[in-house]
Amino acid sequence: MSLVDAIAVTIGSGLFLAIGGFLFGYDSGVITSTIGQPEFIAYFGKPDASTEGGIVSSFTAGAILGALSVSWLADALGRRKTIALGGTISAIGCALQAGAASVSMLIAGRLIAGMAVGMLSALVPMYCSEIAESSYRGALSGLLQFMLSWGYFAAQWIGYGCNYSSTSFQWALPFGIPKSPRWLMEKDRHDEAREALYKLHFNGSNQEYLDLEFAEIRDTIMAEKLLAVKSWSGLIQKPSWRKRLILGCGIQAWGQLSGINVINYYGVSIYKLLGIGTRQSLMIIGISGSLSIIYCALGLYFLEKVGRVKPMIFSATGCGLALLVNSVLSKYYVADGQESTDKNALRAMVAMNLVFSFFFTFTGIISWVYPAEIFPVEIRARGNSISTLVNWCLGLLIGQTAPLALQKIGFKFFYVFFVFNLLAAASYWIFFPETKGKTLEQMDDLFGDQLVPHALEDPAGAEAARAQMQEKEAVIHNEMVV
């Protein structure tokens, strides 16, 4: 297999799987472009702020269940079958939403669709990180966010176009690969793991490198199995695993606490505070979604050039400052939900939302990439599941409370997220190690729990360690037989 073919297989698999990101973006963005539609409001009896929050956050509640299920489905069924299951569940949820005859049916549909997206959001970056080489792992894992941007793009512009209809069509229409070599190795399917690894990476001239990579993956997984703690409590008993879990959950939490989903979910409500009508609001949101695709494409390019930590500091700082500017402007130019008399101030506030979208790009990408690459294989599914669970739990809280907060205090609500973004930037700087250029097995070096010499760096040491582990396995096997 040529180098081009090997890269094509890996990237093609990643792109196919990142369709899960499109579903994520579409299902998240579609509510923005429908919940403010006049026909939606009339059809469902003008939902109050609490009901509106329930419609939005039911999706997040489902995502919590979906993300949690990955902790056992990903290992029990494997990565591919779990992703296929998520796609099937998504289709059912979308059908229920499109045919909703009541608020309860709509909420049920969003709950089911959310379960699918929760599964895919936890699993797709993890799978992509397992099949990619370290030189482009971040960009491949980040495809989830890139396709998420396309999902938002589609949902927002479909919603804008449907606004020209004066029937229920206005809201109803928008509602309407290789296996992982590391997972195969964990299941003791070594021959299949070697075949999958070569299919993904082999270019005809790097046989020695592929042999060493195979040995490195095999040795690390073998050592982890000998020392692994199978209980859930084991995730926090081992200091290095505890640190990885905190960092995985932390980066997902900071992504939610940036304020992105207040802007994404309640864009129409936010622009209403500025006196902007529904159709014009949808157009602005659509423009923002279009720009996000460009931003995300650039972000994926720079991710492997610059790394993870520095872009996250840049991203959080920029998001915080953009929200601060909007909050300060609202104090002087917006009062009681009335349109500002200063058109330049109004334009500046709209522009700040677009600026926020630009700065959020790296947070959006890396918050999915980082957890997918820092966990050892024995706890990777559970670690990603819990990290993603934190994201969706906070999303549920924000989705439910945001409409009430916007109704009560307006743009002052964004002062809260300004503070969170500054805290995020400080935590990235102080606590988060850089993972750029490391293989998944070499992450052990960063967290001080390297179990065996890495074959790519020390082939002789790895061979000696492997012999010792085989002896231990033989002793354990003999004891079990006796």
Protein backbone atom coordinates (compact mmCIF):
# COMPACT_ATOMS: atom_id res chain seq x y z
CA MET A 1 0.00 0.00 0.00
CA SER A 2 1.39 3.42 -0.94
CA LEU A 3 1.76 6.34 1.46
CA VAL A 4 -1.08 8.16 -0.29
CA ASP A 5 -3.34 5.11 0.04
CA ALA A 6 -2.50 4.66 3.72
CA ILE A 7 -3.22 8.30 4.51
CA ALA A 8 -6.39 8.17 2.41
CA VAL A 9 -7.69 5.17 4.37
CA THR A 10 -7.06 6.89 7.71
CA ILE A 11 -8.44 10.28 6.72
CA GLY A 12 -11.34 8.71 4.82
CA SER A 13 -12.28 6.73 7.92
CA GLY A 14 -11.99 9.85 10.04
CA LEU A 15 -14.16 11.89 7.68
CA PHE A 16 -16.82 9.18 7.58
CA LEU A 17 -16.88 8.91 11.35
CA ALA A 18 -16.91 12.69 11.73
CA ILE A 19 -20.38 12.60 10.18
CA GLY A 20 -21.23 12.08 13.84
CA GLY A 21 -19.94 15.61 14.33
CA PHE A 22 -22.30 16.82 11.62
CA LEU A 23 -25.22 15.23 13.47
CA PHE A 24 -23.94 16.85 16.68
CA GLY A 25 -23.80 20.28 15.07
CA TYR A 26 -27.07 19.94 13.22
CA ASP A 27 -29.08 18.68 16.20
CA SER A 28 -27.56 21.38 18.42
CA GLY A 29 -27.95 24.19 15.90
CA VAL A 30 -31.40 23.28 14.63
CA ILE A 31 -33.04 24.37 17.86
CA THR A 32 -31.58 27.88 17.45
CA SER A 33 -33.18 28.25 14.03
CA THR A 34 -36.56 26.81 15.04
CA ILE A 35 -37.39 27.78 18.60
CA GLY A 36 -37.69 31.46 17.67
CA GLN A 37 -39.77 30.87 14.54
CA PRO A 38 -43.29 32.45 14.73
CA GLU A 39 -44.96 29.24 13.51
CA PHE A 40 -43.10 27.17 16.10
CA ILE A 41 -44.29 29.50 18.85
CA ALA A 42 -47.87 29.41 17.57
CA TYR A 43 -47.91 25.62 17.04
CA PHE A 44 -46.62 24.79 20.52
CA GLY A 45 -48.62 27.46 22.34
CA LYS A 46 -45.97 30.11 22.99
CA PRO A 47 -43.71 28.17 25.40
CA ASP A 48 -42.55 30.13 28.45
CA ALA A 49 -38.86 30.49 29.38
CA SER A 50 -38.92 27.35 31.53
CA THR A 51 -40.53 25.20 28.80
CA GLU A 52 -38.17 26.65 26.22
CA GLY A 53 -35.27 25.65 28.44
CA GLY A 54 -36.73 22.14 28.72
CA ILE A 55 -36.99 21.79 24.95
CA VAL A 56 -33.37 22.86 24.52
CA SER A 57 -31.90 20.96 27.47
CA SER A 58 -33.71 17.66 26.79
CA PHE A 59 -31.21 17.15 23.98
CA THR A 60 -28.40 17.61 26.48
CA ALA A 61 -30.04 15.24 28.98
CA GLY A 62 -30.09 12.56 26.31
CA ALA A 63 -26.45 13.29 25.48
CA ILE A 64 -25.54 12.65 29.12
CA LEU A 65 -27.02 9.14 28.89
CA GLY A 66 -25.36 8.53 25.53
CA ALA A 67 -21.94 9.65 26.71
CA LEU A 68 -22.21 7.48 29.81
CA SER A 69 -23.11 4.41 27.74
CA VAL A 70 -19.81 4.66 25.85
CA SER A 71 -17.99 3.63 29.03
CA TRP A 72 -19.06 0.01 28.39
CA LEU A 73 -20.43 -0.09 24.83
CA ALA A 74 -17.14 1.00 23.23
CA ASP A 75 -15.27 -1.90 24.81
CA ALA A 76 -18.06 -4.47 24.61
CA LEU A 77 -19.23 -3.90 21.02
CA GLY A 78 -16.13 -2.21 19.66
CA ARG A 79 -15.79 1.27 18.18
CA ARG A 80 -17.43 0.68 14.78
CA LYS A 81 -20.59 -1.05 15.99
CA THR A 82 -21.16 1.55 18.69
CA ILE A 83 -20.87 4.35 16.14
CA ALA A 84 -23.36 2.55 13.86
CA LEU A 85 -25.74 2.20 16.81
CA GLY A 86 -25.46 5.93 17.46
CA GLY A 87 -26.40 6.70 13.87
CA THR A 88 -29.49 4.49 14.10
CA ILE A 89 -30.65 6.13 17.33
CA SER A 90 -30.13 9.56 15.76
CA ALA A 91 -32.47 8.70 12.87
CA ILE A 92 -35.22 7.71 15.31
CA GLY A 93 -34.83 10.92 17.30
CA CYS A 94 -34.96 13.11 14.19
CA ALA A 95 -38.13 11.36 12.97
CA LEU A 96 -39.87 12.00 16.29
CA GLN A 97 -38.92 15.67 16.25
CA ALA A 98 -40.10 16.22 12.69
CA GLY A 99 -43.46 14.60 13.43
CA ALA A 100 -43.94 16.14 16.88
CA ALA A 101 -47.60 16.79 17.70
CA SER A 102 -46.91 18.18 21.17
CA VAL A 103 -44.14 19.64 23.30
CA SER A 104 -43.73 16.31 25.10
CA MET A 105 -43.20 14.45 21.80
CA LEU A 106 -40.69 17.08 20.69
CA ILE A 107 -38.81 16.75 23.96
CA ALA A 108 -38.80 12.94 23.62
CA GLY A 109 -37.37 13.22 20.11
CA ARG A 110 -34.66 15.61 21.24
CA LEU A 111 -33.86 13.33 24.19
CA ILE A 112 -33.34 10.35 21.86
CA ALA A 113 -31.35 12.39 19.32
CA GLY A 114 -29.24 13.66 22.20
CA MET A 115 -28.43 10.09 23.26
CA ALA A 116 -27.00 9.44 19.80
CA VAL A 117 -24.95 12.62 19.79
CA GLY A 118 -23.65 11.92 23.29
CA MET A 119 -22.39 8.53 22.13
CA LEU A 120 -20.80 9.92 18.98
CA SER A 121 -19.21 12.94 20.67
CA ALA A 122 -17.44 10.67 23.18
CA LEU A 123 -16.45 7.97 20.71
CA VAL A 124 -15.53 9.63 17.40
CA PRO A 125 -12.52 11.67 18.67
CA MET A 126 -11.30 8.64 20.63
CA TYR A 127 -11.52 6.37 17.58
CA CYS A 128 -9.79 8.91 15.35
CA SER A 129 -6.98 9.33 17.89
CA GLU A 130 -6.48 5.54 17.90
CA ILE A 131 -6.16 5.13 14.14
CA ALA A 132 -4.05 8.24 13.41
CA GLU A 133 -0.30 8.78 13.59
CA SER A 134 0.92 11.32 16.15
CA SER A 135 1.93 13.78 13.39
CA TYR A 136 -1.68 14.40 12.39
CA ARG A 137 -3.67 12.91 15.27
CA GLY A 138 -4.90 16.28 16.52
CA ALA A 139 -6.22 17.35 13.15
CA LEU A 140 -7.96 14.02 12.55
CA SER A 141 -9.55 13.96 16.01
CA GLY A 142 -10.53 17.60 15.51
CA LEU A 143 -12.62 16.67 12.47
CA LEU A 144 -15.51 16.24 14.91
CA GLN A 145 -15.54 20.01 15.50
CA PHE A 146 -15.05 20.74 11.79
CA MET A 147 -18.06 18.63 10.85
CA LEU A 148 -19.94 20.07 13.81
CA SER A 149 -19.45 23.49 12.20
CA TRP A 150 -20.93 22.15 8.96
CA GLY A 151 -23.87 20.81 10.96
CA TYR A 152 -24.48 24.24 12.47
CA PHE A 153 -24.11 25.79 9.03
CA ALA A 154 -26.78 23.53 7.55
CA ALA A 155 -29.19 23.94 10.46
CA GLN A 156 -28.86 27.72 10.57
CA TRP A 157 -29.34 28.40 6.87
CA ILE A 158 -32.15 25.85 6.53
CA GLY A 159 -33.83 27.62 9.43
CA TYR A 160 -33.35 30.99 7.76
CA GLY A 161 -34.85 29.73 4.49
CA CYS A 162 -37.79 28.13 6.28
CA ASN A 163 -38.63 31.46 7.88
CA TYR A 164 -40.11 32.50 4.52
CA SER A 165 -42.79 29.82 4.94
CA SER A 166 -45.94 30.67 6.92
CA THR A 167 -46.86 27.06 7.79
CA SER A 168 -45.58 24.40 10.22
CA PHE A 169 -43.05 23.56 7.47
CA GLN A 170 -41.17 26.53 8.96
CA TRP A 171 -40.02 24.44 11.93
CA ALA A 172 -40.74 20.81 10.95
CA LEU A 173 -38.34 20.55 7.99
CA PRO A 174 -35.17 21.41 9.94
CA PHE A 175 -36.00 18.67 12.45
CA GLY A 176 -36.76 16.36 9.80
CA ILE A 177 -14.76 1.88 8.23
CA PRO A 178 -11.39 0.08 9.64
CA LYS A 179 -11.31 -1.20 13.22
CA SER A 180 -9.05 0.41 15.84
CA PRO A 181 -5.75 -1.50 16.10
CA ARG A 182 -5.48 -0.58 19.79
CA TRP A 183 -8.91 -2.00 20.60
CA LEU A 184 -8.07 -5.18 18.68
CA MET A 185 -4.82 -5.46 20.61
CA GLU A 186 -6.65 -5.03 23.90
CA LYS A 187 -8.92 -7.94 22.90
CA ASP A 188 -5.81 -10.10 22.15
CA ARG A 189 -6.55 -10.11 18.41
CA HIS A 190 -2.94 -9.38 17.55
CA ASP A 191 -2.94 -10.50 13.93
CA GLU A 192 -5.98 -8.36 13.15
CA ALA A 193 -4.40 -5.45 15.01
CA ARG A 194 -1.23 -5.72 12.93
CA GLU A 195 -3.25 -5.88 9.72
CA ALA A 196 -5.32 -2.82 10.70
CA LEU A 197 -2.21 -0.87 11.70
CA TYR A 198 -0.45 -1.61 8.43
CA LYS A 199 -3.55 -0.76 6.44
CA LEU A 200 -3.76 2.63 8.13
CA HIS A 201 -0.08 3.62 8.17
CA PHE A 202 2.07 1.46 5.87
CA ASN A 203 3.58 3.20 2.85
CA GLY A 204 5.78 0.40 1.48
CA SER A 205 9.06 1.69 2.88
CA ASN A 206 8.55 1.98 6.64
CA GLN A 207 8.30 -1.71 7.57
CA GLU A 208 10.73 -1.34 10.48
CA TYR A 209 8.86 1.67 11.88
CA LEU A 210 5.52 -0.16 11.67
CA ASP A 211 6.99 -3.21 13.42
CA LEU A 212 8.27 -1.02 16.24
CA GLU A 213 4.96 0.86 16.49
CA PHE A 214 3.11 -2.45 16.67
CA ALA A 215 5.51 -3.63 19.40
CA GLU A 216 5.09 -0.38 21.34
CA ILE A 217 1.30 -0.63 21.32
CA ARG A 218 1.39 -4.35 22.22
CA ASP A 219 3.91 -3.89 25.06
CA THR A 220 2.06 -0.95 26.62
CA ILE A 221 -1.30 -2.72 26.53
CA MET A 222 0.27 -5.92 27.90
CA ALA A 223 1.80 -4.01 30.82
CA GLU A 224 -1.43 -2.13 31.51
CA LYS A 225 -3.38 -5.39 31.60
CA LEU A 226 -1.01 -6.85 34.20
CA LEU A 227 -1.44 -3.81 36.45
CA ALA A 228 -4.92 -2.66 35.47
CA VAL A 229 -7.59 -1.81 38.03
CA LYS A 230 -10.95 -2.90 36.60
CA SER A 231 -13.24 -1.10 39.04
CA TRP A 232 -14.62 2.39 38.44
CA SER A 233 -12.91 3.52 41.64
CA GLY A 234 -9.61 2.59 40.01
CA LEU A 235 -9.95 5.66 37.80
CA ILE A 236 -9.18 7.87 40.79
CA GLN A 237 -7.05 5.56 42.95
CA LYS A 238 -3.99 5.77 40.71
CA PRO A 239 -2.53 9.32 40.88
CA SER A 240 -1.57 9.53 37.20
CA TRP A 241 -4.97 8.27 36.06
CA ARG A 242 -6.65 10.68 38.46
CA LYS A 243 -4.69 13.56 36.95
CA ARG A 244 -5.63 12.52 33.42
CA LEU A 245 -9.29 12.28 34.40
CA ILE A 246 -9.23 15.73 36.00
CA LEU A 247 -7.62 17.24 32.91
CA GLY A 248 -10.05 15.47 30.56
CA CYS A 249 -13.06 16.61 32.57
CA GLY A 250 -11.54 20.06 33.08
CA ILE A 251 -11.01 20.85 29.42
CA GLN A 252 -14.56 19.71 28.59
CA ALA A 253 -15.95 21.81 31.45
CA TRP A 254 -14.09 24.95 30.37
CA GLY A 255 -15.44 24.48 26.85
CA GLN A 256 -19.02 24.63 28.14
CA LEU A 257 -18.25 27.45 30.58
CA SER A 258 -16.90 29.60 27.74
CA GLY A 259 -20.51 30.63 27.05
CA ILE A 260 -20.65 29.12 23.56
CA ASN A 261 -23.94 27.31 23.98
CA VAL A 262 -25.74 30.33 25.36
CA ILE A 263 -24.90 32.07 22.09
CA ASN A 264 -25.55 28.98 19.96
CA TYR A 265 -28.85 27.93 21.53
CA TYR A 266 -30.34 31.32 22.29
CA GLY A 267 -29.01 33.50 19.50
CA VAL A 268 -32.48 34.69 18.52
CA SER A 269 -33.26 35.64 22.13
CA ILE A 270 -29.95 37.47 22.48
CA TYR A 271 -30.48 39.51 19.33
CA LYS A 272 -34.03 40.22 20.42
CA LEU A 273 -32.51 42.06 23.39
CA LEU A 274 -30.88 44.33 20.80
CA GLY A 275 -34.18 44.90 19.00
CA ILE A 276 -33.26 42.69 16.03
CA GLY A 277 -36.10 40.71 14.39
CA THR A 278 -36.22 36.94 13.98
CA ARG A 279 -35.36 36.80 10.29
CA GLN A 280 -32.43 39.16 10.59
CA SER A 281 -31.24 37.27 13.68
CA LEU A 282 -31.30 34.00 11.75
CA MET A 283 -29.29 35.59 8.96
CA ILE A 284 -26.65 36.82 11.44
CA ILE A 285 -26.51 33.37 13.04
CA GLY A 286 -26.15 31.80 9.59
CA ILE A 287 -23.25 34.10 8.74
CA SER A 288 -21.59 33.19 12.03
CA GLY A 289 -22.00 29.49 11.24
CA SER A 290 -20.50 29.98 7.78
CA LEU A 291 -17.47 31.75 9.23
CA SER A 292 -17.05 28.97 11.80
CA ILE A 293 -16.31 26.50 9.01
CA ILE A 294 -13.47 28.69 7.77
CA TYR A 295 -12.18 29.25 11.29
CA CYS A 296 -12.27 25.53 12.04
CA ALA A 297 -10.41 24.60 8.84
CA LEU A 298 -7.64 27.05 9.78
CA GLY A 299 -7.67 25.76 13.35
CA LEU A 300 -7.11 22.17 12.23
CA TYR A 301 -4.14 23.31 10.14
CA PHE A 302 -2.47 25.21 12.98
CA LEU A 303 -3.23 22.57 15.61
CA GLU A 304 -0.29 20.37 14.63
CA LYS A 305 1.94 23.38 14.02
CA VAL A 306 1.46 25.12 17.37
CA GLY A 307 0.23 22.38 19.70
CA ARG A 308 -2.66 22.22 22.16
CA VAL A 309 -1.95 24.40 25.18
CA LYS A 310 -0.98 27.76 23.65
CA PRO A 311 -4.02 27.85 21.32
CA MET A 312 -6.29 27.08 24.28
CA ILE A 313 -4.88 30.00 26.27
CA PHE A 314 -5.33 32.26 23.24
CA SER A 315 -8.86 30.96 22.72
CA ALA A 316 -10.10 31.35 26.30
CA THR A 317 -8.62 34.82 26.66
CA GLY A 318 -10.18 36.01 23.41
CA CYS A 319 -13.60 34.54 24.26
CA GLY A 320 -13.57 36.24 27.64
CA LEU A 321 -12.64 39.64 26.23
CA ALA A 322 -15.29 39.45 23.51
CA LEU A 323 -17.99 38.75 26.10
CA LEU A 324 -16.66 41.51 28.33
CA VAL A 325 -16.92 44.07 25.53
CA ASN A 326 -20.51 43.03 24.82
CA SER A 327 -21.46 43.26 28.48
CA VAL A 328 -19.93 46.71 28.88
CA LEU A 329 -21.56 48.00 25.70
CA SER A 330 -24.94 46.72 26.83
CA LYS A 331 -24.64 48.70 30.05
CA TYR A 332 -24.47 51.99 28.17
CA TYR A 333 -26.38 51.36 24.95
CA VAL A 334 -29.09 48.75 25.66
CA ALA A 335 -31.83 49.12 28.26
CA ASP A 336 -34.90 47.00 29.03
CA GLY A 337 -34.68 45.02 25.80
CA GLN A 338 -35.09 48.12 23.65
CA GLU A 339 -33.10 48.62 20.46
CA SER A 340 -30.01 50.75 20.93
CA THR A 341 -30.26 54.29 19.61
CA ASP A 342 -26.58 54.11 18.68
CA LYS A 343 -26.36 52.00 15.51
CA ASN A 344 -22.58 51.78 15.74
CA ALA A 345 -22.83 50.28 19.22
CA LEU A 346 -25.41 47.81 17.94
CA ARG A 347 -23.12 46.77 15.09
CA ALA A 348 -20.22 46.44 17.53
CA MET A 349 -22.20 44.06 19.75
CA VAL A 350 -23.17 41.89 16.79
CA ALA A 351 -19.55 41.94 15.64
CA MET A 352 -18.38 40.82 19.09
CA ASN A 353 -20.44 37.65 18.75
CA LEU A 354 -18.67 36.95 15.46
CA VAL A 355 -15.33 37.65 17.14
CA PHE A 356 -16.28 35.29 19.96
CA SER A 357 -16.97 32.58 17.38
CA PHE A 358 -13.47 33.08 15.95
CA PHE A 359 -11.75 32.79 19.32
CA PHE A 360 -13.81 29.77 20.35
CA THR A 361 -12.43 27.76 17.41
CA PHE A 362 -9.47 26.25 19.26
CA THR A 363 -11.53 25.53 22.37
CA GLY A 364 -14.10 23.80 20.20
CA ILE A 365 -11.51 21.60 18.50
CA ILE A 366 -9.11 20.82 21.34
CA SER A 367 -11.75 20.14 24.00
CA TRP A 368 -12.54 16.99 21.99
CA VAL A 369 -8.97 16.18 20.91
CA TYR A 370 -7.25 16.41 24.30
CA PRO A 371 -9.35 13.89 26.30
CA ALA A 372 -9.23 11.46 23.37
CA GLU A 373 -5.44 11.27 23.49
CA ILE A 374 -4.42 11.40 27.16
CA PHE A 375 -6.01 8.21 28.55
CA PRO A 376 -4.25 4.81 28.51
CA VAL A 377 -6.11 2.15 26.54
CA GLU A 378 -7.38 0.26 29.61
CA ILE A 379 -9.44 3.26 30.74
CA ARG A 380 -9.76 5.17 27.45
CA ALA A 381 -13.44 4.40 26.92
CA ARG A 382 -14.37 5.16 30.52
CA GLY A 383 -12.17 8.25 30.68
CA ASN A 384 -13.65 9.70 27.49
CA SER A 385 -17.12 8.77 28.64
CA ILE A 386 -16.78 10.65 31.94
CA SER A 387 -15.06 13.64 30.33
CA THR A 388 -17.82 13.97 27.76
CA LEU A 389 -20.40 13.41 30.50
CA VAL A 390 -19.10 16.52 32.28
CA ASN A 391 -19.53 18.51 29.07
CA TRP A 392 -23.14 17.47 28.66
CA CYS A 393 -24.05 17.84 32.35
CA LEU A 394 -22.88 21.45 32.31
CA GLY A 395 -24.61 21.90 28.96
CA LEU A 396 -27.85 20.73 30.55
CA LEU A 397 -27.46 23.21 33.40
CA ILE A 398 -26.64 26.11 31.09
CA GLY A 399 -29.32 25.20 28.55
CA GLN A 400 -32.00 25.14 31.24
CA THR A 401 -30.99 28.30 33.09
CA ALA A 402 -29.83 30.54 30.23
CA PRO A 403 -33.28 31.69 29.02
CA LEU A 404 -34.24 32.64 32.56
CA ALA A 405 -30.96 34.49 33.11
CA LEU A 406 -31.23 36.34 29.80
CA GLN A 407 -34.79 37.29 30.67
CA LYS A 408 -33.82 38.61 34.12
CA ILE A 409 -30.40 40.22 33.67
CA GLY A 410 -29.77 40.31 29.90
CA PHE A 411 -26.18 40.81 28.82
CA LYS A 412 -24.94 40.99 32.41
CA PHE A 413 -25.14 37.19 32.27
CA PHE A 414 -21.98 37.23 30.15
CA TYR A 415 -19.88 38.66 32.99
CA VAL A 416 -20.08 35.15 34.51
CA PHE A 417 -18.57 33.58 31.41
CA PHE A 418 -15.91 36.28 31.18
CA VAL A 419 -14.63 35.16 34.60
CA PHE A 420 -14.81 31.47 33.64
CA ASN A 421 -12.77 32.10 30.48
CA LEU A 422 -10.02 33.84 32.46
CA LEU A 423 -9.90 30.96 34.92
CA ALA A 424 -9.73 28.54 32.00
CA ALA A 425 -6.78 30.36 30.43
CA ALA A 426 -4.91 30.30 33.76
CA SER A 427 -5.56 26.56 34.26
CA TYR A 428 -4.33 25.70 30.76
CA TRP A 429 -1.12 27.61 31.43
CA ILE A 430 -0.47 26.07 34.85
CA PHE A 431 -1.78 22.49 34.73
CA PHE A 432 -2.07 21.15 31.17
CA PRO A 433 0.97 19.40 29.60
CA GLU A 434 1.54 19.69 25.85
CA THR A 435 0.66 16.48 23.97
CA LYS A 436 1.68 17.49 20.44
CA GLY A 437 3.86 14.92 18.66
CA LYS A 438 3.45 12.13 21.24
CA THR A 439 2.06 8.71 20.35
CA LEU A 440 -0.79 7.54 22.53
CA GLU A 441 1.60 5.14 24.26
CA GLN A 442 4.14 7.91 24.91
CA MET A 443 1.55 9.90 26.87
CA ASP A 444 2.80 7.87 29.84
CA ASP A 445 5.95 9.99 29.82
CA LEU A 446 3.93 13.16 30.40
CA PHE A 447 2.09 11.74 33.40
CA GLY A 448 4.97 9.89 35.04
CA ASP A 449 3.58 6.36 34.77
CA GLN A 450 5.50 4.82 31.88
CA LEU A 451 5.18 1.06 32.29
CA VAL A 452 7.65 -0.22 29.69
CA PRO A 453 10.36 1.24 27.42
CA HIS A 454 8.80 2.42 24.17
CA ALA A 455 9.86 0.36 21.17
CA LEU A 456 10.09 3.42 18.92
CA GLU A 457 12.62 4.99 21.29
CA ASP A 458 14.36 1.98 22.90
CA PRO A 459 13.82 -1.25 20.91
CA ALA A 460 16.26 -3.32 22.99
CA GLY A 461 14.77 -2.20 26.30
CA ALA A 462 11.27 -2.89 25.02
CA GLU A 463 12.26 -6.42 23.98
CA ALA A 464 13.71 -7.15 27.44
CA ALA A 465 10.62 -5.79 29.18
CA ARG A 466 8.39 -7.86 26.91
CA ALA A 467 10.24 -11.04 27.90
CA GLN A 468 9.72 -10.23 31.58
CA MET A 469 6.01 -9.63 31.07
CA GLN A 470 5.64 -12.90 29.22
CA GLU A 471 7.27 -14.68 32.14
CA LYS A 472 4.81 -13.01 34.55
CA GLU A 473 1.89 -13.99 32.33
CA ALA A 474 3.13 -17.59 32.28
CA VAL A 475 3.39 -17.67 36.09
CA ILE A 476 -0.13 -16.24 36.47
CA HIS A 477 -1.48 -18.75 33.97
CA ASN A 478 0.19 -21.69 35.76
CA GLU A 479 -1.17 -20.55 39.13
CA MET A 480 -4.68 -20.37 37.68
CA VAL A 481 -4.34 -23.88 36.21
CA VAL A 482 -3.14 -25.28 39.54
